[in-house]
């Protein structure tokens, strides 16, 4: 019985990928496309001619695709989230003494 009837999923722990887009970028593209459809509807309902609305939306859609694909290739699965998290960190934190760190070391040594 060398052959098994069970198939092994070799895609475990790999990011979801669709035509080169990785992970959350698929959601960003979908959200952007929905926003463009809503923008087109608003422009059309407000009375702007279709001959202006359509090229405008097509240009914005092209820019959306280019930017999302660029970010997906540049930052990868978690890179953009890491960049946003790094931006939210303070530039520096001042400590006037080292007691905070030495107390942490002593607590770790004593098992607290």
Protein backbone atom coordinates (compact mmCIF):
# COMPACT_ATOMS: atom_id res chain seq x y z
CA UNK A 1 0.00 0.00 0.00
CA UNK A 2 2.55 2.56 -1.07
CA UNK A 3 0.00 4.84 -2.74
CA UNK A 4 -2.27 6.85 -0.48
CA UNK A 5 -5.82 7.83 -1.34
CA UNK A 6 -5.48 11.12 0.50
CA UNK A 7 -4.24 14.22 -1.24
CA UNK A 8 -1.82 16.47 0.60
CA UNK A 9 -2.56 20.18 0.54
CA UNK A 10 0.81 21.76 -0.17
CA UNK A 11 -0.53 25.31 0.02
CA UNK A 12 -0.71 25.43 3.81
CA UNK A 13 0.48 28.72 5.32
CA UNK A 14 0.84 30.34 1.91
CA UNK A 15 -0.93 33.63 1.23
CA UNK A 16 -3.99 33.71 -0.96
CA UNK A 17 -2.91 34.77 -4.43
CA UNK A 18 -4.99 35.78 -7.44
CA UNK A 19 -3.25 36.75 -10.66
CA UNK A 20 -0.22 38.09 -8.85
CA UNK A 21 -2.11 39.91 -6.09
CA UNK A 22 -1.32 38.65 -2.62
CA UNK A 23 -3.43 38.53 0.53
CA UNK A 24 -5.11 41.82 1.51
CA UNK A 25 -4.40 43.48 -1.85
CA UNK A 26 -7.25 41.45 -3.38
CA UNK A 27 -9.58 43.15 -0.90
CA UNK A 28 -8.07 46.56 -1.60
CA UNK A 29 -8.66 46.10 -5.32
CA UNK A 30 -12.23 44.90 -4.77
CA UNK A 31 -12.99 47.84 -2.48
CA UNK A 32 -11.48 50.26 -4.98
CA UNK A 33 -13.58 48.85 -7.81
CA UNK A 34 -16.75 49.15 -5.73
CA UNK A 35 -15.82 52.76 -4.91
CA UNK A 36 -15.29 53.47 -8.62
CA UNK A 37 -18.71 52.01 -9.48
CA UNK A 38 -20.34 54.20 -6.82
CA UNK A 39 -18.44 57.23 -8.11
CA UNK A 40 -19.63 56.51 -11.65
CA UNK A 41 -23.24 56.22 -10.44
CA UNK A 42 -22.98 59.50 -8.52
CA UNK A 43 -21.46 61.31 -11.50
CA UNK A 44 -24.05 59.90 -13.89
CA UNK A 45 -27.00 60.71 -11.61
CA UNK A 46 -25.71 64.23 -11.05
CA UNK A 47 -26.07 64.88 -14.78
CA UNK A 48 -22.46 64.76 -15.96
CA UNK A 49 -22.31 63.40 -19.53
CA UNK A 50 -21.36 59.75 -19.97
CA UNK A 51 -18.64 60.74 -22.45
CA UNK A 52 -16.85 62.45 -19.55
CA UNK A 53 -17.72 59.93 -16.80
CA UNK A 54 -16.57 56.81 -18.62
CA UNK A 55 -13.03 57.95 -19.55
CA UNK A 56 -12.60 59.48 -16.08
CA UNK A 57 -13.56 56.22 -14.36
CA UNK A 58 -11.41 54.18 -16.76
CA UNK A 59 -8.37 56.33 -15.99
CA UNK A 60 -8.99 56.06 -12.24
CA UNK A 61 -9.49 52.29 -12.60
CA UNK A 62 -6.21 51.94 -14.47
CA UNK A 63 -4.41 53.93 -11.77
CA UNK A 64 -6.06 51.77 -9.09
CA UNK A 65 -4.85 48.55 -10.76
CA UNK A 66 -1.34 49.92 -11.23
CA UNK A 67 -1.04 51.09 -7.62
CA UNK A 68 -2.45 47.92 -6.07
CA UNK A 69 -0.19 45.67 -8.18
CA UNK A 70 2.82 47.89 -7.41
CA UNK A 71 2.16 47.71 -3.66
CA UNK A 72 1.55 43.96 -3.84
CA UNK A 73 4.89 43.34 -5.53
CA UNK A 74 6.82 45.90 -3.48
CA UNK A 75 5.58 45.06 0.02
CA UNK A 76 4.33 41.47 -0.24
CA UNK A 77 1.81 39.88 2.08
CA UNK A 78 2.43 41.82 5.30
CA UNK A 79 4.85 44.56 4.25
CA UNK A 80 2.29 47.33 3.86
CA UNK A 81 0.76 46.53 7.24
CA UNK A 82 4.22 46.54 8.83
CA UNK A 83 4.97 49.91 7.24
CA UNK A 84 1.72 51.37 8.62
CA UNK A 85 2.45 49.92 12.08
CA UNK A 86 5.98 51.34 12.05
CA UNK A 87 4.59 54.77 11.19
CA UNK A 88 2.37 54.70 14.27
CA UNK A 89 5.31 54.09 16.63
CA UNK A 90 6.70 57.10 18.44
CA UNK A 91 9.99 58.48 17.12
CA UNK A 92 11.68 57.94 20.47
CA UNK A 93 10.87 57.33 24.11
CA UNK A 94 12.85 58.96 26.89
CA UNK A 95 13.79 57.17 30.06
CA UNK A 96 15.62 59.06 32.75
CA UNK A 97 16.87 55.92 34.46
CA UNK A 98 17.46 52.26 33.74
CA UNK A 99 15.38 51.03 36.69
CA UNK A 100 12.55 49.95 34.42
CA UNK A 101 14.78 47.57 32.50
CA UNK A 102 16.77 46.32 35.46
CA UNK A 103 13.54 45.56 37.32
CA UNK A 104 12.34 43.53 34.35
CA UNK A 105 15.55 41.52 34.34
CA UNK A 106 15.32 40.89 38.11
CA UNK A 107 11.68 39.82 37.86
CA UNK A 108 12.53 37.40 35.05
CA UNK A 109 15.41 35.89 37.05
CA UNK A 110 13.22 35.42 40.13
CA UNK A 111 10.41 33.85 38.15
CA UNK A 112 7.78 36.51 38.76
